[in-house]
C-alpha atoms as a PDB file:
ATOM      1  CA  MET A   1       0.000   0.000   0.000  1.00  0.00           C
ATOM      2  CA  THR A   2       1.267   3.453  -0.877  1.00  0.00           C
ATOM      3  CA  ALA A   3      -0.241   6.679   0.399  1.00  0.00           C
ATOM      4  CA  THR A   4       0.753  10.175  -0.605  1.00  0.00           C
ATOM      5  CA  PHE A   5       0.261  13.267   1.518  1.00  0.00           C
ATOM      6  CA  ALA A   6       0.985  16.702   0.133  1.00  0.00           C
ATOM      7  CA  ALA A   7       0.062  19.877   1.940  1.00  0.00           C
ATOM      8  CA  PRO A   8       1.165  23.470   1.937  1.00  0.00           C
ATOM      9  CA  VAL A   9       2.400  24.480   5.350  1.00  0.00           C
ATOM     10  CA  ALA A  10       0.653  27.597   6.604  1.00  0.00           C
ATOM     11  CA  GLY A  11       2.523  30.492   8.138  1.00  0.00           C
ATOM     12  CA  ALA A  12       5.821  31.772   6.873  1.00  0.00           C
ATOM     13  CA  GLY A  13       8.263  32.010   9.749  1.00  0.00           C
ATOM     14  CA  GLY A  14       9.132  35.197  11.551  1.00  0.00           C
ATOM     15  CA  GLY A  15       8.627  35.837  15.230  1.00  0.00           C
ATOM     16  CA  GLY A  16       9.245  33.187  17.809  1.00  0.00           C
ATOM     17  CA  GLY A  17       6.800  30.493  16.750  1.00  0.00           C
ATOM     18  CA  GLY A  18       6.325  28.702  13.446  1.00  0.00           C
ATOM     19  CA  GLY A  19       9.396  29.092  11.326  1.00  0.00           C
ATOM     20  CA  GLY A  20       8.308  26.953   8.364  1.00  0.00           C
ATOM     21  CA  GLY A  21       5.728  27.312   5.725  1.00  0.00           C
ATOM     22  CA  VAL A  22       5.198  28.627   2.248  1.00  0.00           C
ATOM     23  CA  ALA A  23       5.177  32.394   1.940  1.00  0.00           C
ATOM     24  CA  ALA A  24       2.726  33.905  -0.527  1.00  0.00           C
ATOM     25  CA  GLY A  25       4.566  34.560  -3.769  1.00  0.00           C
ATOM     26  CA  GLY A  26       7.818  33.103  -2.398  1.00  0.00           C
ATOM     27  CA  THR A  27       9.900  30.230  -3.677  1.00  0.00           C
ATOM     28  CA  SER A  28       9.091  26.863  -2.133  1.00  0.00           C
ATOM     29  CA  PHE A  29      10.467  23.362  -2.463  1.00  0.00           C
ATOM     30  CA  THR A  30       9.091  19.860  -1.871  1.00  0.00           C
ATOM     31  CA  LEU A  31      10.444  17.571   0.835  1.00  0.00           C
ATOM     32  CA  SER A  32       9.542  13.956   0.005  1.00  0.00           C
ATOM     33  CA  VAL A  33       9.891  11.173   2.572  1.00  0.00           C
ATOM     34  CA  THR A  34       9.789   7.457   1.769  1.00  0.00           C
ATOM     35  CA  LEU A  35       9.677   4.695   4.378  1.00  0.00           C
ATOM     36  CA  ALA A  36      11.179   1.220   4.043  1.00  0.00           C
ATOM     37  CA  ASN A  37       8.762  -1.059   5.912  1.00  0.00           C
ATOM     38  CA  ALA A  38       6.379   0.338   8.530  1.00  0.00           C
ATOM     39  CA  GLY A  39       7.048   3.331  10.746  1.00  0.00           C
ATOM     40  CA  THR A  40       6.235   7.009  11.109  1.00  0.00           C
ATOM     41  CA  VAL A  41       8.148  10.170  10.207  1.00  0.00           C
ATOM     42  CA  THR A  42       7.133  13.630  11.426  1.00  0.00           C
ATOM     43  CA  SER A  43       8.631  17.057  10.841  1.00  0.00           C
ATOM     44  CA  THR A  44       9.315  20.305  12.653  1.00  0.00           C
ATOM     45  CA  PRO A  45       7.940  22.639  11.410  1.00  0.00           C
ATOM     46  CA  SER A  46       4.823  20.591  10.734  1.00  0.00           C
ATOM     47  CA  GLY A  47       3.878  19.281   7.305  1.00  0.00           C
ATOM     48  CA  ILE A  48       5.264  15.735   7.295  1.00  0.00           C
ATOM     49  CA  ASN A  49       3.348  13.108   9.268  1.00  0.00           C
ATOM     50  CA  CYS A  50       3.426   9.910   7.342  1.00  0.00           C
ATOM     51  CA  GLY A  51       3.420   6.172   7.510  1.00  0.00           C
ATOM     52  CA  VAL A  52       4.289   5.228   3.916  1.00  0.00           C
ATOM     53  CA  THR A  53       5.211   8.019   1.480  1.00  0.00           C
ATOM     54  CA  CYS A  54       4.564  11.682   1.963  1.00  0.00           C
ATOM     55  CA  SER A  55       5.654  15.153   0.988  1.00  0.00           C
ATOM     56  CA  ALA A  56       5.191  18.776   1.973  1.00  0.00           C
ATOM     57  CA  ARG A  57       6.270  22.137   0.567  1.00  0.00           C
ATOM     58  CA  TYR A  58       8.432  24.559   2.533  1.00  0.00           C
ATOM     59  CA  SER A  59       9.677  28.064   1.803  1.00  0.00           C
ATOM     60  CA  SER A  60      13.202  28.409   0.495  1.00  0.00           C
ATOM     61  CA  GLY A  61      15.708  28.426   3.356  1.00  0.00           C
ATOM     62  CA  THR A  62      13.423  26.695   5.870  1.00  0.00           C
ATOM     63  CA  ALA A  63      15.300  24.339   8.218  1.00  0.00           C
ATOM     64  CA  VAL A  64      13.287  21.122   8.613  1.00  0.00           C
ATOM     65  CA  SER A  65      13.981  18.439  11.234  1.00  0.00           C
ATOM     66  CA  LEU A  66      12.617  14.927  10.734  1.00  0.00           C
ATOM     67  CA  SER A  67      11.993  12.351  13.453  1.00  0.00           C
ATOM     68  CA  ALA A  68      11.480   8.633  12.824  1.00  0.00           C
ATOM     69  CA  LEU A  69       9.423   6.388  15.098  1.00  0.00           C
ATOM     70  CA  PRO A  70       9.455   2.622  14.526  1.00  0.00           C
ATOM     71  CA  PRO A  71       6.350   0.549  15.229  1.00  0.00           C
ATOM     72  CA  PRO A  72       6.396  -2.227  17.841  1.00  0.00           C
ATOM     73  CA  GLY A  73       8.650  -5.081  16.747  1.00  0.00           C
ATOM     74  CA  LEU A  74      10.782  -3.019  14.360  1.00  0.00           C
ATOM     75  CA  ALA A  75      13.832  -0.810  14.884  1.00  0.00           C
ATOM     76  CA  PHE A  76      14.969   2.314  13.077  1.00  0.00           C
ATOM     77  CA  GLN A  77      17.852   1.348  10.762  1.00  0.00           C
ATOM     78  CA  GLY A  78      18.881   4.751   9.436  1.00  0.00           C
ATOM     79  CA  TRP A  79      18.386   7.615   7.005  1.00  0.00           C
ATOM     80  CA  SER A  80      19.409   7.783   3.356  1.00  0.00           C
ATOM     81  CA  GLY A  81      19.105  10.355   0.598  1.00  0.00           C
ATOM     82  CA  ALA A  82      19.551  13.933   1.829  1.00  0.00           C
ATOM     83  CA  CYS A  83      20.172  12.606   5.376  1.00  0.00           C
ATOM     84  CA  THR A  84      22.469   9.866   6.621  1.00  0.00           C
ATOM     85  CA  GLY A  85      23.074   8.321  10.002  1.00  0.00           C
ATOM     86  CA  LEU A  86      21.402   6.194  12.629  1.00  0.00           C
ATOM     87  CA  ASP A  87      19.932   8.852  14.954  1.00  0.00           C
ATOM     88  CA  PRO A  88      16.112   8.768  14.567  1.00  0.00           C
ATOM     89  CA  ASN A  89      16.040  12.493  15.405  1.00  0.00           C
ATOM     90  CA  GLY A  90      19.158  13.342  13.409  1.00  0.00           C
ATOM     91  CA  CYS A  91      17.749  14.287  10.001  1.00  0.00           C
ATOM     92  CA  LYS A  92      17.945  18.018   9.376  1.00  0.00           C
ATOM     93  CA  VAL A  93      17.646  19.611   5.933  1.00  0.00           C
ATOM     94  CA  THR A  94      17.558  23.198   4.704  1.00  0.00           C
ATOM     95  CA  MET A  95      15.094  23.599   1.869  1.00  0.00           C
ATOM     96  CA  ASN A  96      17.044  25.129  -1.017  1.00  0.00           C
ATOM     97  CA  ALA A  97      15.895  22.552  -3.599  1.00  0.00           C
ATOM     98  CA  ASP A  98      13.405  19.688  -3.878  1.00  0.00           C
ATOM     99  CA  THR A  99      14.712  17.104  -1.396  1.00  0.00           C
ATOM    100  CA  LYS A 100      14.236  13.340  -0.905  1.00  0.00           C
ATOM    101  CA  VAL A 101      14.824  11.406   2.307  1.00  0.00           C
ATOM    102  CA  LYS A 102      14.299   7.726   3.111  1.00  0.00           C
ATOM    103  CA  ALA A 103      13.796   6.278   6.595  1.00  0.00           C
ATOM    104  CA  SER A 104      14.433   2.540   6.974  1.00  0.00           C
ATOM    105  CA  PHE A 105      12.978   0.220   9.600  1.00  0.00           C
ATOM    106  CA  SER A 106      13.510  -3.532  10.129  1.00  0.00           C
ATOM    107  CA  LYS A 107      13.585  -6.247  12.803  1.00  0.00           C
END
């Protein structure tokens, strides 16, 4: 099963709160996340919250952090694509182009 989620992220940074989002008339890029096996990936700022395949658009220059959460019985095996490493909270990208990230989970 493959599901796709695409959503513009409201609010374009500034101030102390949001930080992400697509500014009206500004340049934005797509962050696409793919999962190997089951699991969940979420983003800060919000926009990514997926269990299979998902994407969201962010304004140019937005720093996005991804977190991976394995389901019961599986373990996080690492990031690939624009991120590498084994830290489930260690994927951080700056949106200056369309970007792809893969999170892998296994027993």
